[in-house]
Amino acid sequence: MEQEVTRNESTEQLGLFARIALFYRQVISELKRVVWPTREQLTTYTSVVLVFVTFIIAVVSIFDLGLTKLVFWIFG
């Protein structure tokens, strides 16, 4: 906890541009740690998402069609 307070106090002492530069350095540092998927994994994940979204669209469309027919049957 003390380390966090000290870090926040030192960050507050920095100027605006120094804080912006620090932020971007930290972002770049974190992006270097990211494990990026291979092209095959990305293709697989994209395919799974597209199939799932298509399935959900079909389910919602059928549900909507059913409700529409029900409402027209009830209210004529």
C-alpha atoms as a PDB file:
ATOM      1  CA  MET A   1       0.000   0.000   0.000  1.00  0.00           C
ATOM      2  CA  GLU A   2       2.826   2.387   0.840  1.00  0.00           C
ATOM      3  CA  GLN A   3       4.423   1.711  -2.517  1.00  0.00           C
ATOM      4  CA  GLU A   4       1.196   2.642  -4.278  1.00  0.00           C
ATOM      5  CA  VAL A   5       0.915   5.903  -2.324  1.00  0.00           C
ATOM      6  CA  THR A   6       4.523   6.767  -3.135  1.00  0.00           C
ATOM      7  CA  ARG A   7       4.013   5.998  -6.808  1.00  0.00           C
ATOM      8  CA  ASN A   8       0.870   8.164  -6.932  1.00  0.00           C
ATOM      9  CA  GLU A   9       2.641  11.037  -5.192  1.00  0.00           C
ATOM     10  CA  SER A  10       5.555  10.882  -7.653  1.00  0.00           C
ATOM     11  CA  THR A  11       3.125  10.736 -10.586  1.00  0.00           C
ATOM     12  CA  GLU A  12       1.323  13.812  -9.318  1.00  0.00           C
ATOM     13  CA  GLN A  13       4.627  15.721  -9.284  1.00  0.00           C
ATOM     14  CA  LEU A  14       5.159  15.058 -12.999  1.00  0.00           C
ATOM     15  CA  GLY A  15       3.962  17.560 -15.552  1.00  0.00           C
ATOM     16  CA  LEU A  16       1.140  16.907 -17.975  1.00  0.00           C
ATOM     17  CA  PHE A  17       3.351  15.851 -20.883  1.00  0.00           C
ATOM     18  CA  ALA A  18       5.536  13.679 -18.642  1.00  0.00           C
ATOM     19  CA  ARG A  19       2.416  11.845 -17.397  1.00  0.00           C
ATOM     20  CA  ILE A  20       1.215  11.338 -20.981  1.00  0.00           C
ATOM     21  CA  ALA A  21       4.632  10.003 -21.982  1.00  0.00           C
ATOM     22  CA  LEU A  22       4.658   7.694 -18.946  1.00  0.00           C
ATOM     23  CA  PHE A  23       1.212   6.402 -19.887  1.00  0.00           C
ATOM     24  CA  TYR A  24       2.300   5.568 -23.445  1.00  0.00           C
ATOM     25  CA  ARG A  25       5.483   3.878 -22.218  1.00  0.00           C
ATOM     26  CA  GLN A  26       3.382   1.730 -19.889  1.00  0.00           C
ATOM     27  CA  VAL A  27       0.958   0.872 -22.708  1.00  0.00           C
ATOM     28  CA  ILE A  28       3.812  -0.204 -24.987  1.00  0.00           C
ATOM     29  CA  SER A  29       5.320  -2.237 -22.156  1.00  0.00           C
ATOM     30  CA  GLU A  30       2.028  -4.061 -21.604  1.00  0.00           C
ATOM     31  CA  LEU A  31       1.544  -4.693 -25.333  1.00  0.00           C
ATOM     32  CA  LYS A  32       4.943  -6.384 -25.474  1.00  0.00           C
ATOM     33  CA  ARG A  33       3.685  -8.887 -22.881  1.00  0.00           C
ATOM     34  CA  VAL A  34       0.589  -9.823 -24.881  1.00  0.00           C
ATOM     35  CA  VAL A  35       0.570 -13.311 -26.374  1.00  0.00           C
ATOM     36  CA  TRP A  36      -0.783 -12.716 -29.862  1.00  0.00           C
ATOM     37  CA  PRO A  37      -2.699 -15.550 -31.565  1.00  0.00           C
ATOM     38  CA  THR A  38      -1.307 -17.230 -34.652  1.00  0.00           C
ATOM     39  CA  ARG A  39      -3.037 -16.803 -38.005  1.00  0.00           C
ATOM     40  CA  GLU A  40      -4.596 -20.279 -37.667  1.00  0.00           C
ATOM     41  CA  GLN A  41      -5.940 -19.507 -34.197  1.00  0.00           C
ATOM     42  CA  LEU A  42      -7.305 -16.177 -35.373  1.00  0.00           C
ATOM     43  CA  THR A  43      -9.040 -17.846 -38.315  1.00  0.00           C
ATOM     44  CA  THR A  44     -10.528 -20.488 -36.009  1.00  0.00           C
ATOM     45  CA  TYR A  45     -11.726 -17.933 -33.456  1.00  0.00           C
ATOM     46  CA  THR A  46     -13.222 -15.737 -36.171  1.00  0.00           C
ATOM     47  CA  SER A  47     -15.050 -18.704 -37.699  1.00  0.00           C
ATOM     48  CA  VAL A  48     -16.455 -19.740 -34.321  1.00  0.00           C
ATOM     49  CA  VAL A  49     -17.678 -16.210 -33.630  1.00  0.00           C
ATOM     50  CA  LEU A  50     -19.303 -15.884 -37.071  1.00  0.00           C
ATOM     51  CA  VAL A  51     -21.074 -19.262 -36.726  1.00  0.00           C
ATOM     52  CA  PHE A  52     -22.279 -18.374 -33.235  1.00  0.00           C
ATOM     53  CA  VAL A  53     -23.538 -14.935 -34.312  1.00  0.00           C
ATOM     54  CA  THR A  54     -25.325 -16.483 -37.315  1.00  0.00           C
ATOM     55  CA  PHE A  55     -26.964 -19.046 -35.025  1.00  0.00           C
ATOM     56  CA  ILE A  56     -28.121 -16.368 -32.572  1.00  0.00           C
ATOM     57  CA  ILE A  57     -29.477 -14.248 -35.444  1.00  0.00           C
ATOM     58  CA  ALA A  58     -31.466 -17.267 -36.683  1.00  0.00           C
ATOM     59  CA  VAL A  59     -32.874 -17.993 -33.207  1.00  0.00           C
ATOM     60  CA  VAL A  60     -33.880 -14.359 -32.639  1.00  0.00           C
ATOM     61  CA  SER A  61     -35.400 -14.128 -36.133  1.00  0.00           C
ATOM     62  CA  ILE A  62     -37.505 -17.257 -35.606  1.00  0.00           C
ATOM     63  CA  PHE A  63     -38.600 -15.980 -32.187  1.00  0.00           C
ATOM     64  CA  ASP A  64     -39.508 -12.597 -33.713  1.00  0.00           C
ATOM     65  CA  LEU A  65     -41.439 -14.250 -36.552  1.00  0.00           C
ATOM     66  CA  GLY A  66     -43.350 -16.380 -34.055  1.00  0.00           C
ATOM     67  CA  LEU A  67     -44.233 -13.393 -31.886  1.00  0.00           C
ATOM     68  CA  THR A  68     -45.278 -11.381 -34.942  1.00  0.00           C
ATOM     69  CA  LYS A  69     -47.633 -14.119 -36.101  1.00  0.00           C
ATOM     70  CA  LEU A  70     -49.021 -14.469 -32.559  1.00  0.00           C
ATOM     71  CA  VAL A  71     -49.664 -10.714 -32.262  1.00  0.00           C
ATOM     72  CA  PHE A  72     -51.361 -10.585 -35.689  1.00  0.00           C
ATOM     73  CA  TRP A  73     -53.473 -13.636 -34.774  1.00  0.00           C
ATOM     74  CA  ILE A  74     -54.540 -12.046 -31.462  1.00  0.00           C
ATOM     75  CA  PHE A  75     -55.149  -8.493 -32.714  1.00  0.00           C
ATOM     76  CA  GLY A  76     -56.161  -9.400 -36.245  1.00  0.00           C
END
